[in-house]
Amino acid sequence: MFYWIISAKDIDFVENDFNKVFLQFMFYILSVCLLTLYVTKRAKEYIQDRNWDIDYYSLRNTNYWYHILSARYLNGRGVQGSLGETDIIVVDVLTDKQVLYTGILLDFNYSPQKDELENIILGTVLKRNWAKSADDDRIDKDEHSTGKPSKIPGDVFVIPAKQILNLNIHYLKLGSEISVGPSSTLTKQEGPKISQGPLAKG
């Protein structure tokens, strides 16, 4: 059968011969597909177990936002902390409306095809206005200050990625009290192991 395929010669078949060769060929195709799926799955698991998909861009098979927002980013080389030490993720989100939101990251959606973040979903959200300082005595004229924080009611708060200017991400371990974001405090956390940000969208 393989000789016929490679040589591309015309072969005269009787019906029984054709049925036999066709079944062999279909079995060959099915075997190759199953073997390919198995090898690909095992190779993906092998690469992820060693965090090569984080350290080497050519081996990355998921959107980079997934690594950052799932805390797998912490398992990369030269990064302080680890995924196993992260209990919650707190995010400061600066939007195009000059409003700063701080909350616990509950979920996020991204498009691997477009390589874009679509939205993030927060809980226990605080909201603050983000405005430039009007104090002319400041040396840094671009310095910003935040207004008084106010809690946003509701169970989940969704922010579309197209409205996000910057993200400041805190990977936290449950423990003692720390301050997160300007003029806010969250309890039962033990300090950020690493802060990644601000990150530009996309």
N, C-alpha and C. Protein backbone atom coordinates (compact mmCIF):
# COMPACT_ATOMS: atom_id res chain seq x y z
N MET A 1 0.83 -1.21 0.00
CA MET A 1 0.00 0.00 0.00
C MET A 1 0.86 1.26 0.00
N PHE A 2 1.89 1.30 0.88
CA PHE A 2 2.74 2.49 0.96
C PHE A 2 3.56 2.68 -0.32
N TYR A 3 3.94 1.55 -0.94
CA TYR A 3 4.66 1.63 -2.21
C TYR A 3 3.79 2.27 -3.27
N TRP A 4 2.54 1.88 -3.31
CA TRP A 4 1.63 2.45 -4.30
C TRP A 4 1.45 3.95 -4.09
N ILE A 5 1.35 4.34 -2.83
CA ILE A 5 1.16 5.76 -2.54
C ILE A 5 2.37 6.57 -2.96
N ILE A 6 3.57 6.07 -2.63
CA ILE A 6 4.80 6.80 -2.93
C ILE A 6 5.08 6.82 -4.43
N SER A 7 4.90 5.68 -5.09
CA SER A 7 5.23 5.59 -6.51
C SER A 7 4.22 6.28 -7.40
N ALA A 8 3.00 6.46 -6.89
CA ALA A 8 1.93 7.14 -7.64
C ALA A 8 1.63 6.45 -8.96
N LYS A 9 1.84 5.15 -9.02
CA LYS A 9 1.55 4.40 -10.24
C LYS A 9 0.07 4.03 -10.29
N ASP A 10 -0.40 3.88 -11.51
CA ASP A 10 -1.77 3.43 -11.69
C ASP A 10 -1.85 1.94 -11.40
N ILE A 11 -2.80 1.58 -10.58
CA ILE A 11 -2.97 0.19 -10.20
C ILE A 11 -4.37 -0.27 -10.58
N ASP A 12 -4.42 -1.42 -11.17
CA ASP A 12 -5.72 -2.01 -11.49
C ASP A 12 -6.19 -2.83 -10.29
N PHE A 13 -7.32 -2.40 -9.73
CA PHE A 13 -7.87 -3.08 -8.57
C PHE A 13 -9.13 -3.86 -8.95
N VAL A 14 -9.24 -4.95 -8.34
CA VAL A 14 -10.55 -5.57 -8.31
C VAL A 14 -11.23 -5.07 -7.06
N GLU A 15 -12.51 -5.27 -6.93
CA GLU A 15 -13.26 -4.68 -5.82
C GLU A 15 -12.74 -5.12 -4.47
N ASN A 16 -12.41 -6.37 -4.32
CA ASN A 16 -11.93 -6.88 -3.04
C ASN A 16 -10.59 -6.25 -2.65
N ASP A 17 -9.70 -6.10 -3.64
CA ASP A 17 -8.40 -5.48 -3.37
C ASP A 17 -8.58 -4.03 -2.95
N PHE A 18 -9.45 -3.31 -3.63
CA PHE A 18 -9.67 -1.90 -3.29
C PHE A 18 -10.20 -1.75 -1.87
N ASN A 19 -11.16 -2.56 -1.52
CA ASN A 19 -11.71 -2.48 -0.16
C ASN A 19 -10.66 -2.77 0.89
N LYS A 20 -9.81 -3.72 0.62
CA LYS A 20 -8.76 -4.08 1.57
C LYS A 20 -7.76 -2.95 1.74
N VAL A 21 -7.31 -2.38 0.62
CA VAL A 21 -6.34 -1.28 0.67
C VAL A 21 -6.96 -0.04 1.29
N PHE A 22 -8.21 0.24 0.99
CA PHE A 22 -8.88 1.42 1.53
C PHE A 22 -8.98 1.33 3.05
N LEU A 23 -9.35 0.17 3.56
CA LEU A 23 -9.44 0.00 5.01
C LEU A 23 -8.08 0.14 5.67
N GLN A 24 -7.04 -0.39 5.03
CA GLN A 24 -5.69 -0.24 5.57
C GLN A 24 -5.26 1.23 5.59
N PHE A 25 -5.60 1.93 4.53
CA PHE A 25 -5.23 3.34 4.45
C PHE A 25 -5.96 4.16 5.51
N MET A 26 -7.25 3.91 5.70
CA MET A 26 -8.01 4.64 6.72
C MET A 26 -7.49 4.33 8.12
N PHE A 27 -7.11 3.09 8.35
CA PHE A 27 -6.53 2.72 9.65
C PHE A 27 -5.21 3.45 9.86
N TYR A 28 -4.42 3.58 8.79
CA TYR A 28 -3.15 4.31 8.86
C TYR A 28 -3.38 5.78 9.20
N ILE A 29 -4.33 6.41 8.53
CA ILE A 29 -4.63 7.82 8.79
C ILE A 29 -5.11 8.02 10.22
N LEU A 30 -5.99 7.16 10.69
CA LEU A 30 -6.50 7.26 12.06
C LEU A 30 -5.38 7.08 13.07
N SER A 31 -4.49 6.14 12.81
CA SER A 31 -3.37 5.89 13.73
C SER A 31 -2.45 7.10 13.81
N VAL A 32 -2.17 7.71 12.66
CA VAL A 32 -1.30 8.89 12.63
C VAL A 32 -1.94 10.04 13.40
N CYS A 33 -3.24 10.26 13.22
CA CYS A 33 -3.93 11.35 13.92
C CYS A 33 -3.91 11.14 15.43
N LEU A 34 -4.20 9.92 15.87
CA LEU A 34 -4.21 9.64 17.31
C LEU A 34 -2.81 9.77 17.90
N LEU A 35 -1.81 9.28 17.18
CA LEU A 35 -0.44 9.39 17.67
C LEU A 35 -0.01 10.85 17.75
N THR A 36 -0.41 11.65 16.77
CA THR A 36 -0.07 13.08 16.78
C THR A 36 -0.71 13.79 17.96
N LEU A 37 -1.98 13.50 18.23
CA LEU A 37 -2.66 14.11 19.37
C LEU A 37 -1.99 13.72 20.68
N TYR A 38 -1.63 12.46 20.82
CA TYR A 38 -0.99 11.99 22.05
C TYR A 38 0.37 12.66 22.26
N VAL A 39 1.19 12.66 21.21
CA VAL A 39 2.52 13.26 21.32
C VAL A 39 2.42 14.75 21.61
N THR A 40 1.49 15.44 20.95
CA THR A 40 1.31 16.88 21.18
C THR A 40 0.89 17.17 22.61
N LYS A 41 -0.05 16.38 23.13
CA LYS A 41 -0.52 16.57 24.50
C LYS A 41 0.60 16.33 25.50
N ARG A 42 1.35 15.26 25.31
CA ARG A 42 2.46 14.96 26.23
C ARG A 42 3.55 16.01 26.15
N ALA A 43 3.84 16.50 24.94
CA ALA A 43 4.85 17.54 24.78
C ALA A 43 4.42 18.84 25.46
N LYS A 44 3.13 19.18 25.33
CA LYS A 44 2.60 20.39 25.98
C LYS A 44 2.72 20.28 27.49
N GLU A 45 2.35 19.13 28.05
CA GLU A 45 2.45 18.92 29.49
C GLU A 45 3.90 18.99 29.96
N TYR A 46 4.79 18.40 29.18
CA TYR A 46 6.22 18.40 29.53
C TYR A 46 6.77 19.83 29.56
N ILE A 47 6.39 20.62 28.56
CA ILE A 47 6.86 22.01 28.48
C ILE A 47 6.29 22.84 29.62
N GLN A 48 4.99 22.67 29.92
CA GLN A 48 4.37 23.45 30.99
C GLN A 48 4.88 23.06 32.37
N ASP A 49 5.16 21.78 32.57
CA ASP A 49 5.70 21.34 33.87
C ASP A 49 7.04 21.98 34.16
N ARG A 50 7.79 22.29 33.13
CA ARG A 50 9.11 22.90 33.30
C ARG A 50 9.08 24.41 33.06
N ASN A 51 7.88 24.95 32.86
CA ASN A 51 7.67 26.40 32.68
C ASN A 51 8.44 26.96 31.49
N TRP A 52 8.73 26.11 30.51
CA TRP A 52 9.43 26.60 29.33
C TRP A 52 8.54 27.52 28.51
N ASP A 53 7.22 27.32 28.60
CA ASP A 53 6.31 28.19 27.84
C ASP A 53 6.30 29.60 28.40
N ILE A 54 6.78 29.79 29.63
CA ILE A 54 6.89 31.12 30.22
C ILE A 54 8.22 31.76 29.87
N ASP A 55 9.28 30.96 29.91
CA ASP A 55 10.63 31.48 29.69
C ASP A 55 10.96 31.68 28.22
N TYR A 56 10.35 30.90 27.34
CA TYR A 56 10.70 30.95 25.92
C TYR A 56 9.45 31.24 25.08
N TYR A 57 9.51 32.36 24.40
CA TYR A 57 8.34 32.81 23.63
C TYR A 57 7.96 31.81 22.54
N SER A 58 8.96 31.17 21.92
CA SER A 58 8.67 30.24 20.82
C SER A 58 7.89 29.02 21.28
N LEU A 59 7.93 28.71 22.58
CA LEU A 59 7.21 27.55 23.11
C LEU A 59 5.88 27.94 23.75
N ARG A 60 5.54 29.20 23.70
CA ARG A 60 4.31 29.67 24.33
C ARG A 60 3.11 29.35 23.44
N ASN A 61 2.15 28.61 24.00
CA ASN A 61 0.98 28.23 23.22
C ASN A 61 -0.30 28.83 23.77
N THR A 62 -0.19 29.74 24.71
CA THR A 62 -1.36 30.45 25.23
C THR A 62 -1.06 31.94 25.28
N ASN A 63 -2.09 32.72 25.35
CA ASN A 63 -1.96 34.17 25.41
C ASN A 63 -1.17 34.59 26.65
N TYR A 64 -0.28 35.56 26.49
CA TYR A 64 0.57 35.98 27.61
C TYR A 64 -0.24 36.56 28.76
N TRP A 65 -1.42 37.10 28.47
CA TRP A 65 -2.27 37.61 29.54
C TRP A 65 -2.66 36.49 30.50
N TYR A 66 -2.79 35.29 29.98
CA TYR A 66 -3.13 34.16 30.86
C TYR A 66 -2.03 33.94 31.90
N HIS A 67 -0.77 34.00 31.47
CA HIS A 67 0.34 33.79 32.40
C HIS A 67 0.37 34.88 33.47
N ILE A 68 0.09 36.12 33.09
CA ILE A 68 0.15 37.23 34.05
C ILE A 68 -1.03 37.18 35.01
N LEU A 69 -2.23 37.03 34.50
CA LEU A 69 -3.42 37.13 35.34
C LEU A 69 -3.75 35.83 36.08
N SER A 70 -3.11 34.74 35.73
CA SER A 70 -3.28 33.49 36.48
C SER A 70 -2.14 33.26 37.46
N ALA A 71 -1.14 34.16 37.46
CA ALA A 71 0.04 34.10 38.33
C ALA A 71 1.03 33.03 37.89
N ARG A 72 0.84 32.38 36.75
CA ARG A 72 1.86 31.45 36.25
C ARG A 72 3.13 32.19 35.89
N TYR A 73 2.98 33.48 35.64
CA TYR A 73 4.12 34.35 35.34
C TYR A 73 5.19 34.24 36.43
N LEU A 74 4.77 34.03 37.67
CA LEU A 74 5.70 33.98 38.80
C LEU A 74 6.62 32.77 38.74
N ASN A 75 6.27 31.77 37.97
CA ASN A 75 7.11 30.58 37.86
C ASN A 75 8.24 30.74 36.86
N GLY A 76 8.32 31.91 36.23
CA GLY A 76 9.38 32.15 35.26
C GLY A 76 10.73 32.36 35.93
N ARG A 77 11.77 32.24 35.14
CA ARG A 77 13.12 32.43 35.65
C ARG A 77 13.35 33.87 36.07
N GLY A 78 14.00 34.07 37.20
CA GLY A 78 14.37 35.40 37.66
C GLY A 78 13.22 36.20 38.22
N VAL A 79 12.08 35.57 38.49
CA VAL A 79 10.92 36.27 39.04
C VAL A 79 10.73 35.86 40.48
N GLN A 80 10.59 36.85 41.37
CA GLN A 80 10.40 36.56 42.79
C GLN A 80 9.01 36.02 43.04
N GLY A 81 8.91 35.03 43.93
CA GLY A 81 7.62 34.45 44.26
C GLY A 81 7.32 33.25 43.38
N SER A 82 6.16 32.65 43.60
CA SER A 82 5.75 31.49 42.81
C SER A 82 4.24 31.38 42.81
N LEU A 83 3.72 30.63 41.86
CA LEU A 83 2.28 30.42 41.77
C LEU A 83 1.75 29.75 43.02
N GLY A 84 2.51 28.83 43.59
CA GLY A 84 2.07 28.11 44.77
C GLY A 84 1.95 28.98 46.01
N GLU A 85 2.61 30.15 46.01
CA GLU A 85 2.56 31.06 47.15
C GLU A 85 1.49 32.13 46.98
N THR A 86 0.75 32.08 45.89
CA THR A 86 -0.26 33.11 45.60
C THR A 86 -1.65 32.60 45.95
N ASP A 87 -2.30 33.29 46.89
CA ASP A 87 -3.66 32.92 47.28
C ASP A 87 -4.71 33.78 46.56
N ILE A 88 -4.45 35.07 46.44
CA ILE A 88 -5.36 35.96 45.72
C ILE A 88 -4.54 36.93 44.88
N ILE A 89 -5.21 37.51 43.91
CA ILE A 89 -4.58 38.52 43.05
C ILE A 89 -5.41 39.80 43.14
N VAL A 90 -4.76 40.90 43.53
CA VAL A 90 -5.42 42.20 43.64
C VAL A 90 -4.92 43.08 42.50
N VAL A 91 -5.85 43.76 41.84
CA VAL A 91 -5.51 44.55 40.66
C VAL A 91 -5.95 45.99 40.84
N ASP A 92 -5.04 46.93 40.52
CA ASP A 92 -5.38 48.35 40.38
C ASP A 92 -5.58 48.61 38.89
N VAL A 93 -6.74 49.12 38.51
CA VAL A 93 -7.07 49.34 37.11
C VAL A 93 -7.31 50.82 36.87
N LEU A 94 -6.50 51.43 36.02
CA LEU A 94 -6.70 52.82 35.62
C LEU A 94 -7.42 52.82 34.28
N THR A 95 -8.60 53.45 34.22
CA THR A 95 -9.39 53.44 33.00
C THR A 95 -9.24 54.74 32.23
N ASP A 96 -9.80 54.75 31.02
CA ASP A 96 -9.73 55.95 30.19
C ASP A 96 -10.60 57.08 30.71
N LYS A 97 -11.42 56.82 31.73
CA LYS A 97 -12.23 57.86 32.36
C LYS A 97 -11.50 58.49 33.54
N GLN A 98 -10.19 58.20 33.67
CA GLN A 98 -9.39 58.70 34.78
C GLN A 98 -9.97 58.28 36.13
N VAL A 99 -10.43 57.05 36.18
CA VAL A 99 -10.93 56.45 37.42
C VAL A 99 -10.07 55.25 37.75
N LEU A 100 -9.69 55.13 39.02
CA LEU A 100 -8.86 54.02 39.47
C LEU A 100 -9.73 53.04 40.26
N TYR A 101 -9.75 51.79 39.81
CA TYR A 101 -10.49 50.73 40.49
C TYR A 101 -9.50 49.75 41.12
N THR A 102 -9.76 49.34 42.35
CA THR A 102 -8.95 48.34 43.03
C THR A 102 -9.86 47.22 43.51
N GLY A 103 -9.53 45.99 43.17
CA GLY A 103 -10.37 44.87 43.58
C GLY A 103 -9.65 43.54 43.44
N ILE A 104 -10.30 42.50 43.94
CA ILE A 104 -9.76 41.15 43.85
C ILE A 104 -10.11 40.56 42.49
N LEU A 105 -9.11 40.04 41.80
CA LEU A 105 -9.35 39.45 40.49
C LEU A 105 -10.11 38.13 40.63
N LEU A 106 -11.30 38.08 40.04
CA LEU A 106 -12.12 36.87 40.08
C LEU A 106 -11.98 36.04 38.81
N ASP A 107 -11.88 36.73 37.68
CA ASP A 107 -11.80 36.02 36.40
C ASP A 107 -11.38 37.02 35.34
N PHE A 108 -11.08 36.51 34.16
CA PHE A 108 -10.74 37.37 33.02
C PHE A 108 -11.02 36.59 31.75
N ASN A 109 -11.20 37.32 30.66
CA ASN A 109 -11.41 36.70 29.36
C ASN A 109 -10.42 37.29 28.37
N TYR A 110 -9.86 36.42 27.56
CA TYR A 110 -8.90 36.88 26.56
C TYR A 110 -9.09 36.09 25.28
N SER A 111 -8.59 36.64 24.19
CA SER A 111 -8.72 35.98 22.90
C SER A 111 -7.35 35.51 22.44
N PRO A 112 -7.08 34.20 22.47
CA PRO A 112 -5.79 33.70 21.99
C PRO A 112 -5.59 33.99 20.50
N GLN A 113 -6.68 33.99 19.74
CA GLN A 113 -6.57 34.24 18.31
C GLN A 113 -6.11 35.67 18.03
N LYS A 114 -6.67 36.63 18.75
CA LYS A 114 -6.32 38.03 18.55
C LYS A 114 -5.15 38.48 19.43
N ASP A 115 -4.75 37.62 20.37
CA ASP A 115 -3.69 37.96 21.32
C ASP A 115 -4.06 39.23 22.09
N GLU A 116 -5.32 39.28 22.55
CA GLU A 116 -5.81 40.47 23.24
C GLU A 116 -6.61 40.07 24.48
N LEU A 117 -6.50 40.90 25.50
CA LEU A 117 -7.35 40.78 26.68
C LEU A 117 -8.70 41.38 26.35
N GLU A 118 -9.79 40.70 26.73
CA GLU A 118 -11.13 41.19 26.42
C GLU A 118 -11.76 41.92 27.60
N ASN A 119 -11.65 41.37 28.79
CA ASN A 119 -12.16 42.04 29.98
C ASN A 119 -11.59 41.38 31.23
N ILE A 120 -11.71 42.08 32.36
CA ILE A 120 -11.34 41.49 33.64
C ILE A 120 -12.54 41.63 34.58
N ILE A 121 -12.67 40.69 35.50
CA ILE A 121 -13.80 40.65 36.42
C ILE A 121 -13.27 40.74 37.84
N LEU A 122 -13.71 41.77 38.58
CA LEU A 122 -13.21 42.04 39.93
C LEU A 122 -14.31 41.88 40.96
N GLY A 123 -13.91 41.64 42.20
CA GLY A 123 -14.82 41.61 43.33
C GLY A 123 -14.28 42.49 44.44
N THR A 124 -15.15 42.92 45.37
CA THR A 124 -14.77 43.80 46.49
C THR A 124 -14.03 45.02 45.95
N VAL A 125 -14.70 45.78 45.11
CA VAL A 125 -14.06 46.85 44.34
C VAL A 125 -14.17 48.20 45.04
N LEU A 126 -13.05 48.93 45.07
CA LEU A 126 -13.00 50.32 45.52
C LEU A 126 -12.77 51.21 44.31
N LYS A 127 -13.42 52.37 44.32
CA LYS A 127 -13.33 53.31 43.20
C LYS A 127 -12.79 54.64 43.70
N ARG A 128 -11.85 55.22 42.92
CA ARG A 128 -11.30 56.53 43.26
C ARG A 128 -11.08 57.33 41.98
N ASN A 129 -11.29 58.63 42.07
CA ASN A 129 -10.96 59.50 40.95
C ASN A 129 -9.46 59.68 40.89
N TRP A 130 -8.95 59.82 39.69
CA TRP A 130 -7.51 59.94 39.45
C TRP A 130 -7.28 61.23 38.67
N ALA A 131 -6.78 62.24 39.35
CA ALA A 131 -6.64 63.56 38.73
C ALA A 131 -5.25 64.12 38.97
N LYS A 132 -4.80 64.95 38.06
CA LYS A 132 -3.50 65.59 38.24
C LYS A 132 -3.53 66.57 39.39
N SER A 133 -2.41 66.65 40.08
CA SER A 133 -2.33 67.55 41.21
C SER A 133 -2.35 69.00 40.74
N ALA A 134 -3.10 69.83 41.46
CA ALA A 134 -3.18 71.25 41.11
C ALA A 134 -2.19 72.08 41.91
N ASP A 135 -1.34 71.44 42.71
CA ASP A 135 -0.37 72.13 43.54
C ASP A 135 0.82 72.55 42.69
N ASP A 136 0.95 73.87 42.45
CA ASP A 136 2.03 74.36 41.60
C ASP A 136 3.39 74.24 42.25
N ASP A 137 3.45 74.01 43.55
CA ASP A 137 4.72 73.88 44.23
C ASP A 137 5.34 72.50 44.04
N ARG A 138 4.60 71.57 43.48
CA ARG A 138 5.14 70.24 43.26
C ARG A 138 6.23 70.29 42.20
N ILE A 139 7.28 69.54 42.45
CA ILE A 139 8.37 69.47 41.48
C ILE A 139 7.91 68.67 40.26
N ASP A 140 7.23 67.58 40.50
CA ASP A 140 6.74 66.73 39.42
C ASP A 140 5.35 67.21 39.01
N LYS A 141 5.26 67.89 37.88
CA LYS A 141 3.98 68.44 37.43
C LYS A 141 3.01 67.36 36.96
N ASP A 142 3.54 66.14 36.70
CA ASP A 142 2.68 65.06 36.24
C ASP A 142 2.17 64.20 37.40
N GLU A 143 2.46 64.62 38.63
CA GLU A 143 2.05 63.82 39.78
C GLU A 143 0.52 63.78 39.89
N HIS A 144 0.02 62.60 40.23
CA HIS A 144 -1.42 62.42 40.39
C HIS A 144 -1.76 62.15 41.85
N SER A 145 -2.97 62.45 42.19
CA SER A 145 -3.47 62.12 43.52
C SER A 145 -4.85 61.50 43.37
N THR A 146 -5.22 60.66 44.32
CA THR A 146 -6.51 59.99 44.23
C THR A 146 -7.48 60.59 45.22
N GLY A 147 -8.76 60.56 44.84
CA GLY A 147 -9.79 61.04 45.74
C GLY A 147 -10.13 60.01 46.79
N LYS A 148 -11.14 60.29 47.56
CA LYS A 148 -11.56 59.39 48.63
C LYS A 148 -12.14 58.12 48.02
N PRO A 149 -11.70 56.94 48.50
CA PRO A 149 -12.22 55.69 47.93
C PRO A 149 -13.67 55.45 48.33
N SER A 150 -14.42 54.87 47.43
CA SER A 150 -15.80 54.48 47.71
C SER A 150 -16.00 53.05 47.21
N LYS A 151 -16.74 52.27 47.98
CA LYS A 151 -16.96 50.87 47.63
C LYS A 151 -18.09 50.77 46.61
N ILE A 152 -17.87 49.93 45.61
CA ILE A 152 -18.89 49.71 44.59
C ILE A 152 -19.72 48.50 44.99
N PRO A 153 -21.03 48.65 45.16
CA PRO A 153 -21.87 47.51 45.54
C PRO A 153 -21.98 46.50 44.40
N GLY A 154 -22.28 45.29 44.76
CA GLY A 154 -22.43 44.24 43.76
C GLY A 154 -21.47 43.09 43.99
N ASP A 155 -21.73 41.98 43.33
CA ASP A 155 -20.91 40.79 43.50
C ASP A 155 -19.70 40.78 42.57
N VAL A 156 -19.91 41.20 41.32
CA VAL A 156 -18.80 41.22 40.36
C VAL A 156 -18.83 42.55 39.61
N PHE A 157 -17.65 42.98 39.18
CA PHE A 157 -17.52 44.23 38.45
C PHE A 157 -16.66 43.94 37.22
N VAL A 158 -17.23 44.16 36.04
CA VAL A 158 -16.57 43.83 34.78
C VAL A 158 -16.04 45.10 34.13
N ILE A 159 -14.76 45.07 33.75
CA ILE A 159 -14.14 46.21 33.07
C ILE A 159 -13.67 45.75 31.69
N PRO A 160 -14.23 46.29 30.60
CA PRO A 160 -13.77 45.93 29.26
C PRO A 160 -12.32 46.37 29.05
N ALA A 161 -11.56 45.56 28.37
CA ALA A 161 -10.14 45.86 28.17
C ALA A 161 -9.93 47.14 27.38
N LYS A 162 -10.87 47.47 26.50
CA LYS A 162 -10.70 48.67 25.69
C LYS A 162 -10.75 49.95 26.52
N GLN A 163 -11.25 49.86 27.76
CA GLN A 163 -11.29 51.03 28.65
C GLN A 163 -10.09 51.09 29.59
N ILE A 164 -9.23 50.08 29.55
CA ILE A 164 -8.11 50.01 30.49
C ILE A 164 -6.88 50.70 29.92
N LEU A 165 -6.31 51.61 30.73
CA LEU A 165 -5.06 52.25 30.35
C LEU A 165 -3.86 51.51 30.94
N ASN A 166 -3.94 51.19 32.23
CA ASN A 166 -2.84 50.50 32.90
C ASN A 166 -3.37 49.55 33.96
N LEU A 167 -2.58 48.51 34.23
CA LEU A 167 -2.87 47.57 35.30
C LEU A 167 -1.69 47.50 36.25
N ASN A 168 -1.98 47.48 37.54
CA ASN A 168 -0.96 47.21 38.55
C ASN A 168 -1.41 45.97 39.32
N ILE A 169 -0.62 44.90 39.26
CA ILE A 169 -1.07 43.60 39.75
C ILE A 169 -0.26 43.18 40.97
N HIS A 170 -0.98 42.75 42.02
CA HIS A 170 -0.35 42.29 43.26
C HIS A 170 -0.68 40.81 43.46
N TYR A 171 0.35 39.98 43.56
CA TYR A 171 0.17 38.56 43.85
C TYR A 171 0.36 38.38 45.35
N LEU A 172 -0.70 37.99 46.06
CA LEU A 172 -0.68 38.02 47.52
C LEU A 172 -0.89 36.64 48.13
N LYS A 173 -0.27 36.47 49.30
CA LYS A 173 -0.45 35.27 50.10
C LYS A 173 -1.22 35.64 51.36
N LEU A 174 -2.20 34.82 51.72
CA LEU A 174 -2.99 35.10 52.91
C LEU A 174 -2.11 35.18 54.13
N GLY A 175 -2.35 36.21 54.96
CA GLY A 175 -1.52 36.40 56.14
C GLY A 175 -1.85 37.70 56.83
N SER A 176 -0.86 38.57 56.94
CA SER A 176 -1.04 39.82 57.67
C SER A 176 -1.60 40.91 56.77
N GLU A 177 -1.86 42.07 57.38
CA GLU A 177 -2.47 43.20 56.68
C GLU A 177 -1.42 43.95 55.88
N ILE A 178 -1.80 44.38 54.66
CA ILE A 178 -0.93 45.24 53.86
C ILE A 178 -1.78 46.33 53.21
N SER A 179 -1.10 47.34 52.68
CA SER A 179 -1.78 48.37 51.92
C SER A 179 -1.68 48.04 50.45
N VAL A 180 -2.78 48.17 49.74
CA VAL A 180 -2.83 47.89 48.31
C VAL A 180 -3.41 49.09 47.61
N GLY A 181 -2.63 49.69 46.72
CA GLY A 181 -3.12 50.84 46.00
C GLY A 181 -3.10 52.09 46.85
N PRO A 182 -3.21 53.27 46.24
CA PRO A 182 -3.20 54.53 46.97
C PRO A 182 -4.37 54.64 47.93
N SER A 183 -4.08 54.95 49.16
CA SER A 183 -5.10 55.28 50.17
C SER A 183 -6.09 54.15 50.42
N SER A 184 -5.65 52.90 50.31
CA SER A 184 -6.55 51.79 50.59
C SER A 184 -5.81 50.70 51.33
N THR A 185 -6.56 49.91 52.09
CA THR A 185 -5.98 48.81 52.84
C THR A 185 -6.86 47.59 52.72
N LEU A 186 -6.25 46.45 52.42
CA LEU A 186 -6.95 45.19 52.41
C LEU A 186 -6.35 44.32 53.51
N THR A 187 -7.19 43.58 54.21
CA THR A 187 -6.70 42.77 55.30
C THR A 187 -6.58 41.31 54.89
N LYS A 188 -5.91 40.55 55.74
CA LYS A 188 -5.70 39.12 55.59
C LYS A 188 -4.79 38.79 54.42
N GLN A 189 -3.90 39.71 54.06
CA GLN A 189 -2.92 39.43 53.04
C GLN A 189 -1.52 39.57 53.62
N GLU A 190 -0.61 38.84 53.05
CA GLU A 190 0.78 38.98 53.42
C GLU A 190 1.53 39.43 52.20
N GLY A 191 1.88 40.59 52.15
CA GLY A 191 2.53 41.40 51.22
C GLY A 191 2.66 40.97 49.79
N PRO A 192 2.68 41.74 48.77
CA PRO A 192 2.83 41.24 47.43
C PRO A 192 4.19 40.62 47.25
N LYS A 193 4.24 39.42 46.71
CA LYS A 193 5.51 38.78 46.41
C LYS A 193 6.18 39.47 45.23
N ILE A 194 5.34 40.00 44.33
CA ILE A 194 5.87 40.77 43.21
C ILE A 194 4.75 41.65 42.70
N SER A 195 5.09 42.81 42.23
CA SER A 195 4.10 43.69 41.62
C SER A 195 4.49 43.88 40.17
N GLN A 196 3.59 43.55 39.27
CA GLN A 196 3.86 43.67 37.84
C GLN A 196 3.03 44.82 37.29
N GLY A 197 3.69 45.91 36.97
CA GLY A 197 2.91 47.00 36.42
C GLY A 197 3.63 48.32 36.54
N PRO A 198 3.12 49.39 35.95
CA PRO A 198 1.88 49.30 35.18
C PRO A 198 2.08 48.58 33.86
N LEU A 199 1.07 47.85 33.40
CA LEU A 199 1.14 47.12 32.16
C LEU A 199 0.21 47.79 31.16
N ALA A 200 0.72 48.10 30.01
CA ALA A 200 -0.12 48.67 28.97
C ALA A 200 -1.01 47.59 28.39
N LYS A 201 -2.18 47.96 27.98
CA LYS A 201 -3.13 47.00 27.44
C LYS A 201 -2.57 46.37 26.18
N GLY A 202 -2.86 45.05 26.01
CA GLY A 202 -2.50 44.34 24.80
C GLY A 202 -1.14 43.76 24.87
